[in-house]
Amino acid sequence: MQALGEDAARVHLDIHTDNLVAEVGRLSALGARTLTSFDEWVVMEDPAGLVFCVVAVGPDAPILVTAMTWEN
């Protein structure tokens, strides 16, 4: 569970990727905007106002082995 400030309660998604720069660029092109960034993750907001994180993981990370992928 994570506190998201004073906003209404909502779901918070973490998107794991082995290419942080490319994924943030892809999501930005789809209309998301960066709120803040750190070395290993970026906090973004989608066009509807949902805040989510894009998290860098290594290409062999167990979470990526079973992850769902989307193709453009």
C-alpha atoms as a PDB file:
ATOM      1  CA  MET A   1       0.000   0.000   0.000  1.00  0.00           C
ATOM      2  CA  GLN A   2       1.268   3.454  -0.790  1.00  0.00           C
ATOM      3  CA  ALA A   3       0.090   6.947   0.157  1.00  0.00           C
ATOM      4  CA  LEU A   4      -0.431   9.127  -2.919  1.00  0.00           C
ATOM      5  CA  GLY A   5      -0.935  12.459  -1.188  1.00  0.00           C
ATOM      6  CA  GLU A   6      -4.252  14.214  -0.744  1.00  0.00           C
ATOM      7  CA  ASP A   7      -5.813  12.967  -3.976  1.00  0.00           C
ATOM      8  CA  ALA A   8      -8.650  10.463  -4.055  1.00  0.00           C
ATOM      9  CA  ALA A   9      -7.601   6.859  -3.487  1.00  0.00           C
ATOM     10  CA  ARG A  10      -6.715   5.045  -6.687  1.00  0.00           C
ATOM     11  CA  VAL A  11      -4.585   2.265  -8.092  1.00  0.00           C
ATOM     12  CA  HIS A  12      -0.874   2.919  -8.529  1.00  0.00           C
ATOM     13  CA  LEU A  13       0.831   0.975 -11.304  1.00  0.00           C
ATOM     14  CA  ASP A  14       4.528   0.195 -11.631  1.00  0.00           C
ATOM     15  CA  ILE A  15       5.659  -0.552 -15.181  1.00  0.00           C
ATOM     16  CA  HIS A  16       8.928  -2.523 -15.200  1.00  0.00           C
ATOM     17  CA  THR A  17      11.233  -2.164 -18.178  1.00  0.00           C
ATOM     18  CA  ASP A  18      14.765  -3.055 -19.194  1.00  0.00           C
ATOM     19  CA  ASN A  19      15.041   0.234 -21.149  1.00  0.00           C
ATOM     20  CA  LEU A  20      13.871   3.127 -18.966  1.00  0.00           C
ATOM     21  CA  VAL A  21      14.648   5.910 -21.448  1.00  0.00           C
ATOM     22  CA  ALA A  22      12.846   4.192 -24.338  1.00  0.00           C
ATOM     23  CA  GLU A  23       9.771   3.322 -22.258  1.00  0.00           C
ATOM     24  CA  VAL A  24       9.431   6.846 -20.852  1.00  0.00           C
ATOM     25  CA  GLY A  25       9.758   8.169 -24.402  1.00  0.00           C
ATOM     26  CA  ARG A  26       7.092   5.776 -25.673  1.00  0.00           C
ATOM     27  CA  LEU A  27       4.689   6.694 -22.882  1.00  0.00           C
ATOM     28  CA  SER A  28       5.354  10.408 -23.369  1.00  0.00           C
ATOM     29  CA  ALA A  29       4.498  10.040 -27.061  1.00  0.00           C
ATOM     30  CA  LEU A  30       1.189   8.488 -25.982  1.00  0.00           C
ATOM     31  CA  GLY A  31       0.365  11.541 -23.841  1.00  0.00           C
ATOM     32  CA  ALA A  32       1.867  10.793 -20.412  1.00  0.00           C
ATOM     33  CA  ARG A  33       3.982  13.434 -18.714  1.00  0.00           C
ATOM     34  CA  THR A  34       6.918  13.109 -16.357  1.00  0.00           C
ATOM     35  CA  LEU A  35       6.295  14.394 -12.836  1.00  0.00           C
ATOM     36  CA  THR A  36       9.701  13.561 -11.361  1.00  0.00           C
ATOM     37  CA  SER A  37      12.571  11.207 -12.058  1.00  0.00           C
ATOM     38  CA  PHE A  38      15.183   9.313 -10.103  1.00  0.00           C
ATOM     39  CA  ASP A  39      18.111   7.101 -11.140  1.00  0.00           C
ATOM     40  CA  GLU A  40      16.080   3.896 -11.361  1.00  0.00           C
ATOM     41  CA  TRP A  41      12.479   5.070 -11.858  1.00  0.00           C
ATOM     42  CA  VAL A  42      10.332   7.841 -13.280  1.00  0.00           C
ATOM     43  CA  VAL A  43       7.011   9.024 -11.852  1.00  0.00           C
ATOM     44  CA  MET A  44       4.566   9.826 -14.635  1.00  0.00           C
ATOM     45  CA  GLU A  45       0.952  10.877 -15.035  1.00  0.00           C
ATOM     46  CA  ASP A  46      -1.329   9.661 -17.802  1.00  0.00           C
ATOM     47  CA  PRO A  47      -3.720  12.011 -19.652  1.00  0.00           C
ATOM     48  CA  ALA A  48      -6.547  11.055 -17.259  1.00  0.00           C
ATOM     49  CA  GLY A  49      -4.469  11.988 -14.196  1.00  0.00           C
ATOM     50  CA  LEU A  50      -3.458   8.489 -13.011  1.00  0.00           C
ATOM     51  CA  VAL A  51       0.015   8.598 -11.459  1.00  0.00           C
ATOM     52  CA  PHE A  52       2.258   5.613 -12.188  1.00  0.00           C
ATOM     53  CA  CYS A  53       5.936   4.694 -12.097  1.00  0.00           C
ATOM     54  CA  VAL A  54       8.243   3.325 -14.768  1.00  0.00           C
ATOM     55  CA  VAL A  55      10.890   1.220 -13.025  1.00  0.00           C
ATOM     56  CA  ALA A  56      14.208   0.096 -14.503  1.00  0.00           C
ATOM     57  CA  VAL A  57      15.089  -3.561 -14.060  1.00  0.00           C
ATOM     58  CA  GLY A  58      17.801  -5.666 -15.653  1.00  0.00           C
ATOM     59  CA  PRO A  59      16.938  -7.606 -18.837  1.00  0.00           C
ATOM     60  CA  ASP A  60      17.182 -10.904 -16.966  1.00  0.00           C
ATOM     61  CA  ALA A  61      15.061  -9.822 -14.007  1.00  0.00           C
ATOM     62  CA  PRO A  62      12.596 -12.557 -12.974  1.00  0.00           C
ATOM     63  CA  ILE A  63       9.703 -10.090 -13.194  1.00  0.00           C
ATOM     64  CA  LEU A  64      10.344  -9.646 -16.938  1.00  0.00           C
ATOM     65  CA  VAL A  65      10.353 -13.390 -17.646  1.00  0.00           C
ATOM     66  CA  THR A  66       6.605 -13.668 -17.033  1.00  0.00           C
ATOM     67  CA  ALA A  67       5.716 -10.073 -17.906  1.00  0.00           C
ATOM     68  CA  MET A  68       3.070  -9.162 -20.442  1.00  0.00           C
ATOM     69  CA  THR A  69       4.451  -7.243 -23.386  1.00  0.00           C
ATOM     70  CA  TRP A  70       2.781  -4.916 -25.862  1.00  0.00           C
ATOM     71  CA  GLU A  71       3.932  -4.275 -29.385  1.00  0.00           C
ATOM     72  CA  ASN A  72       3.423  -0.975 -31.175  1.00  0.00           C
END
